[in-house]
């Protein structure tokens, strides 16, 4: 079961509880699911019981117990626990990872992207400063991936180099003619120096990877091909997934989503499952650094996992190898999609 499917399963449980008269509350439009935080357990957690407690006029723990009875017997769910003030912690059956990988491969670059417009209208306005311009450009791309309609504007005419080197564009400059329903001022800590000598990819990463309240490092460290450079690790991990696919083809090995149960695979599956949540969070907080940091987490999991994908020595290709290859390809899809939203290329070779 994928995170999207699990969210729908949670909503169906809420509807059943409401239809049965066990809860008197409006059914929310969506139920957020994400990997459990500290103190949690299982594969995913949802705060829907806390969300419903006030309109239902009941304590969150009581709402959680009602919903657990409707969730526990849902297809694909192995168990449901209640933790903290009323979080529902959901454990999936063994097919969870297989379904997730199949979903990523089926959706491709659209994995984690909202298919229908949400109706949210956002005006992103920023000063004539390079980091603000790049941040607004990335935030606009992330918001659009989550179904928002976005317009960008700059206080003054942007520097032409921002478009030529950094790929930045704005819809208008000067004071917006008409206010949007939601206006957001993008004002990160300014860059201390011109990032354009780093080139598009390294410059954008240097400006977007730190949180907006942190000072960005505009140094050549972002260009070095070493493990100490997070951008290199993300792009290298993507290139490794492409190389694994090429080497597998030479061996006559094709990918097929399946059960992968070792610890290294679990860390990677968790990162892929959390990607839609990371995208939604980056959009909600107007924080591309959250997406960048999640890509680093995913890349680090790929670099540990990669050594188990292909047969070694005289080992014969098996279903386990096909499942690991599918997981690696899914990871490459997520890394490429996330980098694209940040406006950064994902080369197949490094």
Protein backbone atom coordinates (compact mmCIF):
# COMPACT_ATOMS: atom_id res chain seq x y z
CA UNK A 1 0.00 0.00 0.00
CA UNK A 2 1.37 3.40 -0.99
CA UNK A 3 1.08 6.53 1.19
CA UNK A 4 -1.66 7.86 -1.12
CA UNK A 5 -3.61 4.61 -0.87
CA UNK A 6 -3.16 4.53 2.91
CA UNK A 7 -4.47 8.09 3.18
CA UNK A 8 -7.59 7.00 1.31
CA UNK A 9 -7.91 3.98 3.59
CA UNK A 10 -7.79 6.24 6.65
CA UNK A 11 -10.49 8.48 5.14
CA UNK A 12 -12.68 5.45 4.45
CA UNK A 13 -12.32 4.46 8.11
CA UNK A 14 -13.43 7.94 9.15
CA UNK A 15 -16.44 7.78 6.82
CA UNK A 16 -17.46 4.37 8.19
CA UNK A 17 -17.26 5.68 11.76
CA UNK A 18 -19.36 8.72 10.82
CA UNK A 19 -21.90 6.66 8.88
CA UNK A 20 -22.23 4.28 11.83
CA UNK A 21 -22.96 7.19 14.16
CA UNK A 22 -19.85 6.55 16.24
CA UNK A 23 -18.46 9.99 15.36
CA UNK A 24 -20.35 13.20 14.67
CA UNK A 25 -17.87 15.29 12.70
CA UNK A 26 -17.23 16.41 9.11
CA UNK A 27 -15.07 14.01 7.10
CA UNK A 28 -11.84 15.84 6.19
CA UNK A 29 -10.83 16.19 2.56
CA UNK A 30 -7.51 14.44 3.19
CA UNK A 31 -5.75 12.47 5.90
CA UNK A 32 -2.04 13.09 6.22
CA UNK A 33 0.13 10.02 6.69
CA UNK A 34 3.90 10.06 7.25
CA UNK A 35 6.60 7.89 8.79
CA UNK A 36 6.14 7.90 12.58
CA UNK A 37 8.13 10.39 14.62
CA UNK A 38 10.03 9.77 17.87
CA UNK A 39 8.06 7.46 20.13
CA UNK A 40 6.01 6.13 17.23
CA UNK A 41 5.95 2.67 15.74
CA UNK A 42 4.90 0.85 12.60
CA UNK A 43 5.26 2.07 9.02
CA UNK A 44 3.14 5.22 9.05
CA UNK A 45 1.36 7.52 11.48
CA UNK A 46 -1.60 9.86 11.10
CA UNK A 47 -2.92 12.64 13.33
CA UNK A 48 -6.47 12.41 11.97
CA UNK A 49 -7.86 11.55 15.43
CA UNK A 50 -6.42 14.77 16.85
CA UNK A 51 -7.83 16.63 13.86
CA UNK A 52 -11.34 15.27 14.51
CA UNK A 53 -11.36 15.49 18.30
CA UNK A 54 -12.63 19.07 18.63
CA UNK A 55 -15.44 18.91 16.02
CA UNK A 56 -16.46 15.50 17.40
CA UNK A 57 -16.43 16.83 20.98
CA UNK A 58 -14.41 13.85 22.20
CA UNK A 59 -10.88 13.30 23.52
CA UNK A 60 -8.36 12.41 20.78
CA UNK A 61 -7.60 9.04 22.41
CA UNK A 62 -11.28 8.10 22.26
CA UNK A 63 -11.53 9.14 18.61
CA UNK A 64 -8.37 7.13 17.88
CA UNK A 65 -9.85 4.00 19.48
CA UNK A 66 -12.99 4.33 17.35
CA UNK A 67 -10.97 4.74 14.15
CA UNK A 68 -8.60 1.90 15.05
CA UNK A 69 -11.48 -0.59 14.97
CA UNK A 70 -12.28 0.46 11.39
CA UNK A 71 -8.65 0.56 10.26
CA UNK A 72 -7.41 -2.69 11.75
CA UNK A 73 -9.31 -4.92 9.32
CA UNK A 74 -8.58 -2.87 6.20
CA UNK A 75 -6.83 -4.68 3.37
CA UNK A 76 -3.06 -4.24 3.54
CA UNK A 77 -3.05 -3.21 7.20
CA UNK A 78 -1.33 -5.61 9.60
CA UNK A 79 -1.88 -3.64 12.79
CA UNK A 80 -2.81 -0.28 14.33
CA UNK A 81 -1.43 1.16 17.57
CA UNK A 82 -2.26 4.37 19.42
CA UNK A 83 0.61 6.46 20.75
CA UNK A 84 1.02 9.84 22.39
CA UNK A 85 -2.08 12.03 22.63
CA UNK A 86 -3.89 10.09 19.92
CA UNK A 87 -1.66 9.30 16.95
CA UNK A 88 -2.67 6.23 14.94
CA UNK A 89 0.45 4.19 14.10
CA UNK A 90 -0.17 1.83 11.21
CA UNK A 91 1.82 -1.28 10.34
CA UNK A 92 1.37 -2.57 6.80
CA UNK A 93 1.61 -6.14 5.67
CA UNK A 94 4.66 -7.37 3.74
CA UNK A 95 3.41 -6.04 0.40
CA UNK A 96 3.84 -2.41 1.45
CA UNK A 97 7.33 -1.88 0.03
CA UNK A 98 6.49 -3.72 -3.16
CA UNK A 99 3.42 -1.57 -3.79
CA UNK A 100 5.35 1.61 -3.00
CA UNK A 101 8.11 0.82 -5.52
CA UNK A 102 5.52 -0.10 -8.15
CA UNK A 103 3.74 3.21 -7.51
CA UNK A 104 6.95 5.25 -7.86
CA UNK A 105 7.89 3.52 -11.10
CA UNK A 106 4.37 3.90 -12.49
CA UNK A 107 4.14 7.60 -11.61
CA UNK A 108 7.69 8.45 -12.56
CA UNK A 109 8.43 12.15 -12.20
CA UNK A 110 4.81 12.65 -11.09
CA UNK A 111 5.32 10.67 -7.87
CA UNK A 112 4.51 12.99 -4.98
CA UNK A 113 2.88 15.51 -7.33
CA UNK A 114 -0.77 16.49 -6.87
CA UNK A 115 -2.74 15.74 -10.04
CA UNK A 116 -5.60 18.20 -9.63
CA UNK A 117 -5.42 21.94 -8.86
CA UNK A 118 -6.25 22.67 -5.24
CA UNK A 119 -7.57 26.16 -5.94
CA UNK A 120 -4.88 27.76 -3.76
CA UNK A 121 -3.69 31.06 -5.28
CA UNK A 122 -0.32 32.35 -4.12
CA UNK A 123 1.59 35.54 -4.94
CA UNK A 124 5.32 35.16 -4.21
CA UNK A 125 6.95 38.58 -3.94
CA UNK A 126 10.67 39.06 -3.34
CA UNK A 127 13.30 41.82 -3.24
CA UNK A 128 15.86 42.32 -6.00
CA UNK A 129 18.37 39.96 -4.38
CA UNK A 130 19.75 36.78 -5.89
CA UNK A 131 18.98 34.35 -3.08
CA UNK A 132 15.45 35.66 -2.74
CA UNK A 133 14.95 35.32 -6.50
CA UNK A 134 16.22 31.72 -6.62
CA UNK A 135 14.24 30.77 -3.51
CA UNK A 136 11.02 32.23 -4.90
CA UNK A 137 11.59 30.41 -8.20
CA UNK A 138 12.06 27.07 -6.41
CA UNK A 139 9.14 27.65 -4.04
CA UNK A 140 6.91 28.40 -7.02
CA UNK A 141 7.88 25.10 -8.67
CA UNK A 142 7.25 23.15 -5.46
CA UNK A 143 3.90 24.86 -4.83
CA UNK A 144 2.79 24.12 -8.39
CA UNK A 145 3.70 20.46 -7.86
CA UNK A 146 1.21 20.48 -4.98
CA UNK A 147 -1.63 21.91 -7.06
CA UNK A 148 -1.31 25.63 -6.27
CA UNK A 149 -1.60 28.42 -8.82
CA UNK A 150 1.42 30.68 -8.34
CA UNK A 151 2.49 34.10 -9.58
CA UNK A 152 5.95 35.52 -8.85
CA UNK A 153 7.00 39.15 -8.70
CA UNK A 154 10.18 41.09 -7.90
CA UNK A 155 10.38 44.54 -6.30
CA UNK A 156 12.47 45.76 -9.24
CA UNK A 157 13.62 44.47 -12.61
CA UNK A 158 15.69 41.29 -11.99
CA UNK A 159 19.36 41.06 -12.92
CA UNK A 160 19.57 39.46 -16.42
CA UNK A 161 22.31 37.12 -15.12
CA UNK A 162 19.79 35.46 -12.83
CA UNK A 163 17.88 34.21 -15.86
CA UNK A 164 20.91 33.50 -18.05
CA UNK A 165 22.97 31.62 -15.45
CA UNK A 166 20.57 30.54 -12.70
CA UNK A 167 17.44 29.88 -14.76
CA UNK A 168 15.35 32.30 -12.69
CA UNK A 169 12.25 33.91 -14.14
CA UNK A 170 9.55 36.15 -12.66
CA UNK A 171 6.06 36.90 -13.88
CA UNK A 172 6.25 40.63 -13.10
CA UNK A 173 8.38 43.25 -11.40
CA UNK A 174 7.35 46.21 -9.29
CA UNK A 175 4.34 46.25 -6.97
CA UNK A 176 1.80 43.56 -7.94
CA UNK A 177 -1.15 45.14 -9.78
CA UNK A 178 -3.75 43.17 -7.86
CA UNK A 179 -3.22 41.31 -4.59
CA UNK A 180 -3.62 37.54 -4.69
CA UNK A 181 -5.69 35.80 -2.03
CA UNK A 182 -2.43 34.79 -0.37
CA UNK A 183 0.64 36.98 -0.70
CA UNK A 184 3.95 35.61 0.57
CA UNK A 185 7.07 37.73 0.89
CA UNK A 186 10.20 35.67 0.22
CA UNK A 187 13.06 37.23 2.18
CA UNK A 188 15.78 34.72 3.10
CA UNK A 189 19.10 35.85 4.54
CA UNK A 190 20.82 37.44 1.51
CA UNK A 191 23.76 35.80 -0.24
CA UNK A 192 27.01 37.40 0.86
CA UNK A 193 28.47 37.31 -2.63
CA UNK A 194 27.60 36.63 -6.26
CA UNK A 195 26.89 32.87 -6.71
CA UNK A 196 26.82 32.89 -10.53
CA UNK A 197 30.52 31.88 -10.92
CA UNK A 198 29.53 28.48 -9.45
CA UNK A 199 27.24 27.80 -12.40
CA UNK A 200 23.56 27.02 -12.28
CA UNK A 201 23.43 23.74 -10.37
CA UNK A 202 26.00 24.43 -7.67
CA UNK A 203 24.81 28.03 -7.21
CA UNK A 204 21.18 27.03 -6.80
CA UNK A 205 22.12 24.28 -4.33
CA UNK A 206 24.30 26.70 -2.36
CA UNK A 207 21.34 29.07 -2.03
CA UNK A 208 18.56 26.51 -1.47
CA UNK A 209 20.11 23.82 0.73
CA UNK A 210 20.52 26.02 3.86
CA UNK A 211 17.38 27.07 5.73
CA UNK A 212 16.24 30.57 4.80
CA UNK A 213 17.38 31.98 8.16
CA UNK A 214 20.93 30.60 7.70
CA UNK A 215 23.74 32.31 5.82
CA UNK A 216 24.56 30.45 2.59
CA UNK A 217 28.14 29.39 1.82
CA UNK A 218 29.07 30.62 -1.65
CA UNK A 219 32.28 28.62 -2.08
CA UNK A 220 33.86 26.22 -4.54
CA UNK A 221 33.15 23.40 -2.06
CA UNK A 222 29.86 22.94 -3.88
CA UNK A 223 31.78 21.94 -7.03
CA UNK A 224 34.05 19.25 -5.58
CA UNK A 225 33.27 15.62 -6.30
CA UNK A 226 33.66 14.30 -2.77
CA UNK A 227 31.34 12.72 -0.23
CA UNK A 228 31.64 15.85 1.91
CA UNK A 229 29.64 17.73 -0.74
CA UNK A 230 25.90 16.97 -0.30
CA UNK A 231 25.07 18.05 -3.86
CA UNK A 232 27.65 15.63 -5.23
CA UNK A 233 26.21 12.81 -3.10
CA UNK A 234 22.69 13.42 -4.39
CA UNK A 235 23.74 13.60 -8.03
CA UNK A 236 26.17 10.70 -7.68
CA UNK A 237 23.48 8.53 -6.07
CA UNK A 238 21.20 9.26 -9.03
CA UNK A 239 23.99 8.39 -11.47
CA UNK A 240 24.62 5.13 -9.59
CA UNK A 241 20.98 4.08 -9.99
CA UNK A 242 21.28 4.66 -13.74
CA UNK A 243 24.54 2.70 -13.85
CA UNK A 244 22.92 -0.19 -11.97
CA UNK A 245 20.17 -0.34 -14.58
CA UNK A 246 22.74 -0.35 -17.38
CA UNK A 247 24.86 -3.06 -15.74
CA UNK A 248 21.75 -5.13 -15.04
CA UNK A 249 20.77 -4.98 -18.71
CA UNK A 250 24.21 -6.34 -19.61
CA UNK A 251 23.51 -9.30 -17.29
CA UNK A 252 20.04 -9.78 -18.78
CA UNK A 253 18.48 -8.75 -15.47
CA UNK A 254 15.27 -6.75 -15.45
CA UNK A 255 13.62 -5.07 -12.51
CA UNK A 256 10.39 -6.19 -10.86
CA UNK A 257 8.99 -4.76 -7.61
CA UNK A 258 9.11 -7.35 -4.89
CA UNK A 259 9.78 -8.03 -1.24
CA UNK A 260 13.08 -6.57 0.02
CA UNK A 261 13.59 -7.06 3.72
CA UNK A 262 17.17 -6.18 4.71
CA UNK A 263 17.86 -3.12 6.89
CA UNK A 264 19.56 -1.09 4.16
CA UNK A 265 16.54 -1.54 1.91
CA UNK A 266 14.20 -0.54 4.74
CA UNK A 267 15.97 2.80 5.17
CA UNK A 268 15.64 3.49 1.45
CA UNK A 269 11.98 2.45 1.34
CA UNK A 270 11.28 4.78 4.27
CA UNK A 271 12.93 7.66 2.41
CA UNK A 272 10.88 7.03 -0.74
CA UNK A 273 7.67 6.73 1.27
CA UNK A 274 8.40 10.05 3.01
CA UNK A 275 9.05 11.95 -0.24
CA UNK A 276 5.43 13.09 -0.85
CA UNK A 277 5.28 14.33 2.75
CA UNK A 278 8.60 16.17 2.30
CA UNK A 279 7.25 17.85 -0.83
CA UNK A 280 4.02 18.86 0.89
CA UNK A 281 5.93 20.20 3.89
CA UNK A 282 8.32 22.18 1.68
CA UNK A 283 5.31 23.70 -0.08
CA UNK A 284 3.44 24.50 3.12
CA UNK A 285 6.42 26.20 4.76
CA UNK A 286 7.76 27.76 1.52
CA UNK A 287 11.01 25.98 2.39
CA UNK A 288 12.93 24.33 -0.48
CA UNK A 289 15.67 23.41 2.01
CA UNK A 290 13.35 20.74 3.40
CA UNK A 291 13.20 19.09 0.00
CA UNK A 292 16.97 19.44 -0.46
CA UNK A 293 17.69 17.79 2.90
CA UNK A 294 15.30 14.94 2.11
CA UNK A 295 17.13 14.31 -1.14
CA UNK A 296 20.40 14.05 0.82
CA UNK A 297 18.77 11.49 3.14
CA UNK A 298 17.53 9.49 0.16
CA UNK A 299 20.91 9.66 -1.58
CA UNK A 300 22.75 8.45 1.51
CA UNK A 301 20.37 5.48 1.73
CA UNK A 302 21.00 4.69 -1.96
CA UNK A 303 24.78 4.77 -1.54
CA UNK A 304 24.59 2.25 1.30
CA UNK A 305 22.05 0.03 -0.48
CA UNK A 306 23.64 0.00 -3.97
CA UNK A 307 26.16 -2.75 -3.19
CA UNK A 308 23.40 -5.34 -2.66
CA UNK A 309 21.56 -4.79 -5.94
CA UNK A 310 23.41 -6.87 -8.55
CA UNK A 311 24.65 -10.47 -8.31
CA UNK A 312 28.24 -10.88 -7.10
CA UNK A 313 30.75 -13.35 -8.52
CA UNK A 314 29.06 -16.58 -9.60
CA UNK A 315 25.78 -15.62 -7.94
CA UNK A 316 22.79 -16.21 -10.20
CA UNK A 317 20.21 -13.42 -10.79
CA UNK A 318 17.15 -14.01 -8.65
CA UNK A 319 13.80 -12.45 -7.79
CA UNK A 320 15.52 -10.70 -4.90
CA UNK A 321 17.94 -9.01 -7.30
CA UNK A 322 15.06 -7.91 -9.52
CA UNK A 323 13.28 -6.45 -6.50
CA UNK A 324 16.42 -4.60 -5.35
CA UNK A 325 16.96 -3.24 -8.85
CA UNK A 326 13.37 -1.95 -8.94
CA UNK A 327 13.93 -0.24 -5.59
CA UNK A 328 17.13 1.39 -6.87
CA UNK A 329 15.35 2.59 -10.02
CA UNK A 330 12.53 4.03 -7.91
CA UNK A 331 15.11 5.89 -5.83
CA UNK A 332 16.67 7.33 -8.97
CA UNK A 333 13.25 8.52 -10.07
CA UNK A 334 12.71 10.34 -6.77
CA UNK A 335 16.17 11.93 -6.81
CA UNK A 336 15.72 13.17 -10.38
CA UNK A 337 12.25 14.51 -9.66
CA UNK A 338 13.35 16.34 -6.52
CA UNK A 339 16.38 17.90 -8.18
CA UNK A 340 14.22 19.03 -11.07
CA UNK A 341 11.87 20.86 -8.70
CA UNK A 342 14.90 22.66 -7.27
CA UNK A 343 15.94 23.61 -10.80
CA UNK A 344 19.01 21.36 -10.74
CA UNK A 345 20.03 18.78 -13.36
CA UNK A 346 20.34 15.08 -12.52
CA UNK A 347 23.06 13.76 -14.87
CA UNK A 348 23.18 10.06 -15.71
CA UNK A 349 26.99 10.01 -15.48
CA UNK A 350 29.40 11.74 -13.10
